[in-house]
Structures are given as structure tokens and as C-alpha cells.
Amino acid sequence: MADDDEGEEKTQEPSAKRQEEAIEQGQVLTSRDLMVLVVLATGGIQLMMNGKYYFDELVGVFRQDLLFSEPIMRDLPLQTALSNAFSGVMIPFLMFAVPISIMLIATQYFFGGLHFVIGNAAPKFEKLDPMSGLGRIFGMNSVMEALKSLLKIGLIGAAGVWYVVDQIPIIVQMNVISFEKSLIATGALIVKTFMVLVAGAAVVAFVDAFYQWRTFRDKMMMTRQEAKDEYKQAEGSPEVRAKIRQMQRESAERGSVVNLSDAQVVVTNPTHFAVALRYDFEDGTAPKVVAKGSDMVAEQIREKARELDLPVLSYPLLARAIYFTSAIGQEIHTELYRAVATVLSYVFQAGTEAPQPEIEVPESMQFDTSGRKLEGRNV
């Protein structure tokens, strides 16, 4: 079976249980290249929109707060001076970092979902083993990741170099223009070069995101046998479920014996099955099953009926028909009305002193002791 499973194609969608187990093991869909692209793009947009603000703030910190002449003249403690400098740096830093963090969280949420597993944060001491560490470094996965990184750097770097080479005539002209124009041209060149690099990183990121999604999906897919095994593990084998249902049914049947005092007649198999019936003259509804049971429970019903002096009549086909088609507390099946009416009429009018009448059970209501349909006959 194991060999068959290994060659079986994975065609089943991953179950919720499989996805939960993957998350617990730290297997979450993500793409590092996509996250790098988000950082570069968000950071680049901020620099283009607020670059002058960040530059002025940081330069102001270095010009004022880090010059110790002012703290000395104002007799400020060194701790206060450093705190002021730190505060001046933190405000622009937070304004720059918070949007990037928000975009990273949003990207991961829409791409692979946000999952935090405490166990993944626990220290893994097996990684301290130098031999296993060397195995990870020189393993095939590490080699492939290194080759992928070199390829990505080469592609993005080639795009950047191509753009800079294409802009060489503009760069050469900077020597003959004014300093102010040269500074503006340099800034524009840097921004455009950065955007070319971001475009290259975007291509790499989208390719990697698709690759990671496809790889993760293929890994999570299940074979038919795996789906069946998981279902059996979650729900239990059919044999176990059948045994549980049988035990539950027997428990309900045993509990129904205590209600036998409400019954008016007991119909038996005569040994394997017993059902107790009651007809309410005031309501005028169909007869209801007060108690029913098989084997030991049927014997308890017969013994209790004798103690209560209830009539016990042997109608095997009718007893099995009621047992297999009606639950405790429910009305009997409509196709059994005529047969049960004959029995109740005999009990109420003749008082069981006259000979038992013959009844006819419809063919569709005839069962053997296992609950399988039988051909109809008169009893």
C-alpha cells in the first residue's frame, strides 16, 4: 500500500486539518523576493515624495543635536543631549518604517495569510550542531538557493548597468552645466536608476511568487488514499462508527423499557425483537412506538410486559417491520396502519381471549432479522 501511495497522483485539495498541521510545522506560503520588492517599492515611493524632508531632518540632527558645543553652553547633561538627538532621528525613522511594515503585513496577509505559531519562535538547539549546519550549508537546497540568488542579482544588476550605460551622454554633460542643474540631474538619474532596479526586482518577485505558490500548492495536495486515511482518522473506521451507533441504539432501547407502563400491547418476533405500542384515543393520532429492542433488550421488554400484565403477541413480520421503520416515540409507518389496527382492535375488544387474528404486512415492509427486505407473505 505504501508503494502504491508513493506513485499515486495528488488530485485532492488539501483539507483543513492538513493546512492546520502545515501551519503548526511552520510551513506558510510566502515569498522573500516579493517582500524585498515591497520594501524597495514602498521605500522608493517615500523617498520620491518625502525625500527632502528626511534629508533635512537627518542633516539637522547632525548639525545641531550632535554638536556638543550647545549642550556645554546650556549646561545640559550628556544623557539629555543624546536623548534629544535620538528623538530627532526616531520621528523620521518611524515615518519611513511604519508604512513599509504595514505594506509587508498586508502583502503577506493577501498572499499567504498571517500565521503566528509560538512553537516556531522557540529555540531549536539541533541547529547548533556544527555537522548538521555544514550539511545545510553545502546541501543541494542551499546550493540551489545560492544559484537562484546569483541569478537574481545578475538580472537586476544587468538592468541597472544597462540603464546607466544608456545615460552616459547625460552624465558626461554634467561637467559643463551649472552645479545646481548638475545636482538636479544627478538626483533624477539616481531615482530613475532605482526605479529600473525596482522594475527588475518586480519581475523576479512575481516569478518567485508564482513558483512559491505552485510549489506550496503541490506540496499541500493530497492523494485519494491520504484523504481517505485522514477521514478515517477523524471520523473513525466504518466498523467503529457502526459499533458506536449500535451501542447508542441499544442504550436508547434499554432506556425506553422504563416507559413500558404507557404501552398497551407488545408485539414480538417472538424472541429476537419486541416493540411496545400505544394508541391515544383522545388525540386520535396514529399508534406510537413506546419501546423497542432486540435480543437482550427484547427479553427485558417481554419480562417487563409480563410484570405489568400487558398482552404480548407474536407477529414476527410486524415486529420486524415496526422495529426497522419506526423510532422510539415516533408514529408507526403509514403502510402498517391496517396491520396494527387489527392488533389493537383485537386487544381492546377481545381482551386476547379470542384466537389471534391473521394480519397482512405489505411486501415493502417485510424484513429479515438483519433488516433486509423479504418477499411478502401472510402471517
Protein backbone atom coordinates (compact mmCIF):
# COMPACT_ATOMS: atom_id res chain seq x y z
CA MET A 1 0.00 0.00 0.00
CA ALA A 2 2.83 2.40 0.83
CA ASP A 3 4.43 1.82 -2.56
CA ASP A 4 1.10 2.46 -4.27
CA ASP A 5 0.65 5.73 -2.35
CA GLU A 6 4.07 7.00 -3.37
CA GLY A 7 3.20 6.69 -7.06
CA GLU A 8 -0.35 7.94 -6.73
CA GLU A 9 -1.10 11.33 -8.20
CA LYS A 10 -2.11 14.12 -5.83
CA THR A 11 -5.51 15.23 -7.05
CA GLN A 12 -7.33 16.11 -3.82
CA GLU A 13 -7.48 19.63 -2.42
CA PRO A 14 -5.78 19.96 1.00
CA SER A 15 -8.11 19.51 3.92
CA ALA A 16 -8.44 21.99 6.79
CA LYS A 17 -6.62 19.54 9.05
CA ARG A 18 -3.68 19.28 6.66
CA GLN A 19 -3.46 23.07 6.40
CA GLU A 20 -3.53 23.44 10.19
CA GLU A 21 -0.76 20.86 10.58
CA ALA A 22 1.34 22.66 7.96
CA ILE A 23 0.96 25.96 9.83
CA GLU A 24 1.92 24.29 13.13
CA GLN A 25 5.07 22.98 11.42
CA GLY A 26 5.92 26.46 10.16
CA GLN A 27 5.02 25.73 6.53
CA VAL A 28 3.48 29.01 5.40
CA LEU A 29 3.19 30.30 1.85
CA THR A 30 5.49 33.29 1.46
CA SER A 31 7.99 34.80 -0.98
CA ARG A 32 11.13 36.58 0.19
CA ASP A 33 11.60 38.23 -3.19
CA LEU A 34 8.07 39.60 -3.03
CA MET A 35 8.78 41.07 0.40
CA VAL A 36 12.03 42.61 -0.87
CA LEU A 37 10.09 44.21 -3.72
CA VAL A 38 7.56 45.66 -1.25
CA VAL A 39 10.37 47.18 0.82
CA LEU A 40 12.12 48.65 -2.23
CA ALA A 41 8.95 49.98 -3.84
CA THR A 42 7.47 51.45 -0.67
CA GLY A 43 10.79 52.92 0.38
CA GLY A 44 11.42 54.37 -3.08
CA ILE A 45 7.98 55.99 -3.25
CA GLN A 46 8.52 57.56 0.16
CA LEU A 47 11.93 58.91 -0.85
CA MET A 48 10.48 60.43 -4.01
CA MET A 49 7.60 62.05 -2.12
CA ASN A 50 9.29 63.00 1.16
CA GLY A 51 12.99 62.63 0.42
CA LYS A 52 13.74 66.28 1.10
CA TYR A 53 12.01 66.06 4.49
CA TYR A 54 14.03 63.02 5.56
CA PHE A 55 17.26 64.59 4.34
CA ASP A 56 16.63 67.88 6.13
CA GLU A 57 15.64 66.15 9.38
CA LEU A 58 18.67 63.88 9.49
CA VAL A 59 21.07 66.65 8.49
CA GLY A 60 19.52 68.88 11.12
CA VAL A 61 20.19 66.25 13.79
CA PHE A 62 23.83 66.01 12.83
CA ARG A 63 24.22 69.77 12.63
CA GLN A 64 22.56 70.66 15.91
CA ASP A 65 21.98 67.82 18.32
CA LEU A 66 25.31 66.09 17.78
CA LEU A 67 27.35 69.29 18.19
CA PHE A 68 28.32 69.23 21.84
CA SER A 69 29.05 72.98 21.98
CA GLU A 70 25.37 73.80 22.55
CA PRO A 71 24.86 71.26 25.38
CA ILE A 72 28.01 72.55 27.05
CA MET A 73 26.92 76.17 26.73
CA ARG A 74 23.45 75.34 28.05
CA ASP A 75 24.94 73.09 30.71
CA LEU A 76 22.81 70.13 29.55
CA PRO A 77 23.63 66.63 30.79
CA LEU A 78 25.10 64.30 28.17
CA GLN A 79 22.17 61.90 28.60
CA THR A 80 19.70 64.67 27.77
CA ALA A 81 21.66 65.70 24.70
CA LEU A 82 21.79 62.14 23.40
CA SER A 83 18.07 61.69 24.15
CA ASN A 84 17.23 64.80 22.13
CA ALA A 85 19.36 63.53 19.26
CA PHE A 86 17.68 60.11 19.43
CA SER A 87 14.22 61.68 19.41
CA GLY A 88 15.11 63.76 16.37
CA VAL A 89 16.19 60.62 14.48
CA MET A 90 13.30 58.38 15.59
CA ILE A 91 10.48 60.56 14.21
CA PRO A 92 11.62 60.43 10.55
CA PHE A 93 12.69 56.82 11.02
CA LEU A 94 9.22 55.80 12.20
CA MET A 95 7.56 57.79 9.42
CA PHE A 96 9.72 55.85 6.96
CA ALA A 97 9.49 52.39 8.61
CA VAL A 98 5.80 52.23 9.59
CA PRO A 99 4.40 52.37 6.01
CA ILE A 100 6.89 49.70 4.95
CA SER A 101 5.84 47.48 7.85
CA ILE A 102 2.16 47.96 7.03
CA MET A 103 2.74 47.07 3.38
CA LEU A 104 4.74 43.97 4.36
CA ILE A 105 1.96 42.75 6.65
CA ALA A 106 -0.74 43.46 4.05
CA THR A 107 1.22 41.67 1.31
CA GLN A 108 1.76 38.57 3.42
CA TYR A 109 -1.90 38.62 4.50
CA PHE A 110 -3.21 38.59 0.94
CA PHE A 111 -0.52 36.25 -0.43
CA GLY A 112 -0.22 33.52 2.17
CA GLY A 113 -2.12 34.66 5.25
CA LEU A 114 -0.89 35.80 8.66
CA HIS A 115 0.02 32.93 10.96
CA PHE A 116 1.98 33.08 14.20
CA VAL A 117 2.97 29.82 15.83
CA ILE A 118 4.61 30.11 19.24
CA GLY A 119 6.49 26.85 18.68
CA ASN A 120 8.30 28.33 15.68
CA ALA A 121 9.76 31.05 17.91
CA ALA A 122 11.22 28.52 20.35
CA PRO A 123 14.98 27.93 20.11
CA LYS A 124 15.96 24.89 18.05
CA PHE A 125 19.11 23.56 19.66
CA GLU A 126 19.61 20.92 16.97
CA LYS A 127 20.64 23.77 14.65
CA LEU A 128 23.66 24.36 16.89
CA ASP A 129 25.11 21.06 15.74
CA PRO A 130 28.08 22.01 13.51
CA MET A 131 27.79 18.87 11.38
CA SER A 132 24.13 19.47 10.60
CA GLY A 133 24.96 23.11 9.96
CA LEU A 134 27.59 22.13 7.39
CA GLY A 135 25.05 19.81 5.84
CA ARG A 136 22.61 22.67 5.45
CA ILE A 137 25.28 24.99 4.05
CA PHE A 138 26.60 22.56 1.47
CA GLY A 139 23.34 20.73 0.86
CA MET A 140 21.61 20.73 -2.52
CA ASN A 141 18.90 23.11 -1.33
CA SER A 142 21.47 25.66 -0.19
CA VAL A 143 23.37 25.35 -3.47
CA MET A 144 20.18 25.87 -5.46
CA GLU A 145 19.19 28.88 -3.34
CA ALA A 146 22.68 30.37 -3.84
CA LEU A 147 22.44 29.91 -7.61
CA LYS A 148 18.99 31.50 -7.62
CA SER A 149 20.31 34.47 -5.63
CA LEU A 150 23.24 34.93 -8.02
CA LEU A 151 20.89 34.76 -10.98
CA LYS A 152 18.57 37.35 -9.47
CA ILE A 153 21.45 39.69 -8.61
CA GLY A 154 22.80 39.26 -12.13
CA LEU A 155 19.47 40.07 -13.77
CA ILE A 156 18.75 43.10 -11.62
CA GLY A 157 22.35 44.32 -11.84
CA ALA A 158 22.36 43.91 -15.62
CA ALA A 159 19.21 46.01 -15.87
CA GLY A 160 20.79 48.73 -13.72
CA VAL A 161 24.08 48.71 -15.65
CA TRP A 162 22.23 48.81 -18.98
CA TYR A 163 20.29 51.87 -17.87
CA VAL A 164 23.36 53.69 -16.53
CA VAL A 165 25.32 52.98 -19.73
CA ASP A 166 22.40 54.30 -21.74
CA GLN A 167 22.54 57.52 -19.67
CA ILE A 168 26.32 58.09 -20.13
CA PRO A 169 25.81 61.03 -22.55
CA ILE A 170 23.74 62.81 -19.91
CA ILE A 171 26.33 62.01 -17.23
CA VAL A 172 29.11 63.47 -19.38
CA GLN A 173 27.17 66.71 -19.88
CA MET A 174 27.05 67.28 -16.13
CA ASN A 175 30.63 68.58 -16.28
CA VAL A 176 29.63 71.54 -18.43
CA ILE A 177 26.41 72.59 -16.70
CA SER A 178 25.94 74.55 -13.51
CA PHE A 179 26.29 72.88 -10.13
CA GLU A 180 22.59 73.34 -9.34
CA LYS A 181 21.48 71.76 -12.61
CA SER A 182 24.04 69.02 -12.21
CA LEU A 183 22.74 68.23 -8.73
CA ILE A 184 19.15 68.06 -10.00
CA ALA A 185 20.18 65.85 -12.93
CA THR A 186 22.12 63.55 -10.60
CA GLY A 187 19.12 63.19 -8.31
CA ALA A 188 16.84 62.42 -11.25
CA LEU A 189 19.33 59.86 -12.55
CA ILE A 190 19.54 58.15 -9.18
CA VAL A 191 15.75 57.99 -8.88
CA LYS A 192 15.31 56.62 -12.40
CA THR A 193 18.07 54.07 -11.88
CA PHE A 194 16.43 53.00 -8.66
CA MET A 195 13.09 52.57 -10.42
CA VAL A 196 14.74 50.42 -13.10
CA LEU A 197 16.15 48.23 -10.33
CA VAL A 198 12.70 48.06 -8.72
CA ALA A 199 11.19 47.02 -12.07
CA GLY A 200 13.78 44.25 -12.35
CA ALA A 201 13.07 43.19 -8.79
CA ALA A 202 9.33 43.16 -9.62
CA VAL A 203 9.87 40.68 -12.45
CA VAL A 204 11.92 38.44 -10.17
CA ALA A 205 9.39 38.80 -7.35
CA PHE A 206 6.39 37.84 -9.50
CA VAL A 207 8.22 34.82 -10.91
CA ASP A 208 9.27 33.74 -7.42
CA ALA A 209 5.78 34.34 -6.01
CA PHE A 210 4.24 32.12 -8.69
CA TYR A 211 6.91 29.47 -8.13
CA GLN A 212 6.42 29.51 -4.35
CA TRP A 213 2.62 29.33 -4.75
CA ARG A 214 2.81 26.43 -7.18
CA THR A 215 5.38 24.55 -5.10
CA PHE A 216 3.43 25.08 -1.87
CA ARG A 217 0.16 24.02 -3.52
CA ASP A 218 1.69 20.86 -4.99
CA LYS A 219 3.18 20.01 -1.62
CA MET A 220 -0.15 20.50 0.17
CA MET A 221 -2.24 18.50 -2.31
CA MET A 222 -3.31 15.04 -1.17
CA THR A 223 -3.70 11.67 -2.82
CA ARG A 224 -7.05 9.89 -2.65
CA GLN A 225 -5.60 7.41 -0.18
CA GLU A 226 -4.29 10.19 2.07
CA ALA A 227 -7.73 11.84 2.02
CA LYS A 228 -9.39 8.53 2.90
CA ASP A 229 -6.91 7.82 5.70
CA GLU A 230 -7.39 11.29 7.17
CA TYR A 231 -11.16 10.92 7.03
CA LYS A 232 -10.96 7.56 8.77
CA GLN A 233 -8.67 9.02 11.40
CA ALA A 234 -11.00 11.95 12.02
CA GLU A 235 -14.31 10.10 11.82
CA GLY A 236 -13.23 6.60 12.73
CA SER A 237 -13.45 3.48 10.57
CA PRO A 238 -16.88 2.40 9.28
CA GLU A 239 -16.77 -0.61 11.61
CA VAL A 240 -16.11 1.59 14.64
CA ARG A 241 -18.85 4.04 13.66
CA ALA A 242 -21.30 1.17 13.15
CA LYS A 243 -20.40 -0.22 16.56
CA ILE A 244 -20.89 3.20 18.18
CA ARG A 245 -24.29 3.61 16.52
CA GLN A 246 -25.28 0.14 17.68
CA MET A 247 -24.27 0.93 21.25
CA GLN A 248 -26.16 4.23 21.15
CA ARG A 249 -29.24 2.49 19.77
CA GLU A 250 -29.08 -0.23 22.40
CA SER A 251 -28.67 2.38 25.12
CA ALA A 252 -31.76 4.24 23.89
CA GLU A 253 -33.69 0.98 23.69
CA ARG A 254 -32.74 -0.01 27.21
CA GLY A 255 -33.84 3.39 28.44
CA SER A 256 -37.18 3.01 26.72
CA VAL A 257 -38.04 -0.07 28.79
CA VAL A 258 -38.85 2.15 31.78
CA ASN A 259 -41.67 3.74 29.75
CA LEU A 260 -43.33 0.41 29.13
CA SER A 261 -46.12 1.23 31.58
CA ASP A 262 -47.51 3.59 28.93
CA ALA A 263 -47.79 0.77 26.38
CA GLN A 264 -50.99 -1.12 25.54
CA VAL A 265 -49.57 -4.11 23.66
CA VAL A 266 -46.20 -5.71 22.92
CA VAL A 267 -45.54 -7.33 19.54
CA THR A 268 -42.65 -9.82 19.36
CA ASN A 269 -40.62 -11.77 16.83
CA PRO A 270 -41.11 -13.80 19.19
CA THR A 271 -37.53 -13.97 20.54
CA HIS A 272 -35.22 -11.56 18.71
CA PHE A 273 -37.38 -8.43 18.52
CA ALA A 274 -40.05 -6.75 20.64
CA VAL A 275 -41.94 -3.49 20.16
CA ALA A 276 -44.39 -1.85 22.56
CA LEU A 277 -47.21 0.26 21.09
CA ARG A 278 -49.71 2.79 22.39
CA TYR A 279 -52.73 4.38 20.75
CA ASP A 280 -54.13 7.62 22.23
CA PHE A 281 -57.89 7.69 21.74
CA GLU A 282 -58.18 11.37 22.70
CA ASP A 283 -55.61 12.62 20.19
CA GLY A 284 -56.74 10.22 17.53
CA THR A 285 -53.25 10.11 16.04
CA ALA A 286 -51.51 7.02 14.69
CA PRO A 287 -50.13 4.47 17.17
CA LYS A 288 -46.69 5.29 18.53
CA VAL A 289 -43.70 3.15 19.50
CA VAL A 290 -43.22 3.35 23.28
CA ALA A 291 -40.30 0.93 23.45
CA LYS A 292 -38.43 -1.41 21.16
CA GLY A 293 -35.39 -3.63 21.32
CA SER A 294 -33.58 -6.70 20.02
CA ASP A 295 -32.11 -9.74 21.74
CA MET A 296 -31.41 -8.83 25.42
CA VAL A 297 -33.46 -5.63 25.31
CA ALA A 298 -36.34 -7.53 23.69
CA GLU A 299 -36.20 -10.05 26.54
CA GLN A 300 -36.30 -7.20 29.08
CA ILE A 301 -39.36 -5.76 27.32
CA ARG A 302 -41.15 -9.14 27.43
CA GLU A 303 -40.33 -9.63 31.12
CA LYS A 304 -41.46 -6.11 31.99
CA ALA A 305 -44.66 -6.63 29.97
CA ARG A 306 -45.45 -9.79 31.98
CA GLU A 307 -44.91 -7.87 35.23
CA LEU A 308 -47.32 -5.16 34.01
CA ASP A 309 -49.76 -7.78 32.68
CA LEU A 310 -49.55 -6.37 29.16
CA PRO A 311 -50.64 -8.54 26.23
CA VAL A 312 -47.63 -9.97 24.36
CA LEU A 313 -48.48 -11.11 20.83
CA SER A 314 -46.23 -12.94 18.41
CA TYR A 315 -46.25 -11.37 14.94
CA PRO A 316 -42.70 -11.80 13.57
CA LEU A 317 -43.10 -9.83 10.32
CA LEU A 318 -44.97 -7.00 12.01
CA ALA A 319 -42.49 -6.81 14.89
CA ARG A 320 -39.55 -6.58 12.50
CA ALA A 321 -41.37 -4.07 10.26
CA ILE A 322 -42.08 -1.73 13.17
CA TYR A 323 -38.56 -2.20 14.60
CA PHE A 324 -36.77 -1.31 11.34
CA THR A 325 -39.07 1.53 10.19
CA SER A 326 -40.02 3.43 13.37
CA ALA A 327 -38.02 5.06 16.15
CA ILE A 328 -38.95 5.22 19.82
CA GLY A 329 -41.52 7.98 20.37
CA GLN A 330 -42.48 8.12 16.69
CA GLU A 331 -45.65 7.04 14.94
CA ILE A 332 -45.64 3.78 13.03
CA HIS A 333 -45.21 3.77 9.26
CA THR A 334 -48.40 4.53 7.30
CA GLU A 335 -48.21 1.20 5.46
CA LEU A 336 -48.52 -0.59 8.80
CA TYR A 337 -51.73 1.16 9.91
CA ARG A 338 -54.05 -1.68 8.84
CA ALA A 339 -52.00 -4.44 10.47
CA VAL A 340 -51.53 -2.54 13.75
CA ALA A 341 -55.20 -1.51 13.79
CA THR A 342 -56.16 -5.19 13.58
CA VAL A 343 -53.89 -6.00 16.54
CA LEU A 344 -55.15 -3.10 18.68
CA SER A 345 -58.78 -3.92 17.87
CA TYR A 346 -58.19 -7.49 18.98
CA VAL A 347 -56.57 -6.32 22.27
CA PHE A 348 -59.24 -3.72 23.11
CA GLN A 349 -62.33 -5.70 22.10
CA ALA A 350 -61.49 -9.37 22.59
CA GLY A 351 -59.12 -8.92 25.50
CA THR A 352 -56.78 -11.53 24.00
CA GLU A 353 -59.21 -14.32 24.92
CA ALA A 354 -60.26 -14.98 21.34
CA PRO A 355 -57.85 -16.53 18.81
CA GLN A 356 -55.29 -14.08 17.41
CA PRO A 357 -56.37 -12.66 14.09
CA GLU A 358 -54.26 -13.03 10.99
CA ILE A 359 -52.66 -9.83 9.69
CA GLU A 360 -51.15 -8.84 6.39
CA VAL A 361 -47.84 -6.97 6.26
CA PRO A 362 -47.12 -5.18 2.92
CA GLU A 363 -44.26 -6.61 0.90
CA SER A 364 -42.36 -3.30 1.13
CA MET A 365 -42.46 -3.61 4.94
CA GLN A 366 -41.18 -7.19 5.23
CA PHE A 367 -37.65 -7.62 6.63
CA ASP A 368 -35.45 -10.46 7.82
CA THR A 369 -33.62 -10.34 11.16
CA SER A 370 -30.77 -8.36 9.57
CA GLY A 371 -33.09 -5.65 8.24
CA ARG A 372 -33.00 -6.82 4.61
CA LYS A 373 -36.19 -6.81 2.55
CA LEU A 374 -38.13 -10.09 2.12
CA GLU A 375 -40.87 -11.26 -0.17
CA GLY A 376 -44.30 -10.62 1.34
CA ARG A 377 -46.44 -13.31 2.92
CA ASN A 378 -49.37 -13.60 5.26
CA VAL A 379 -48.79 -14.39 8.91
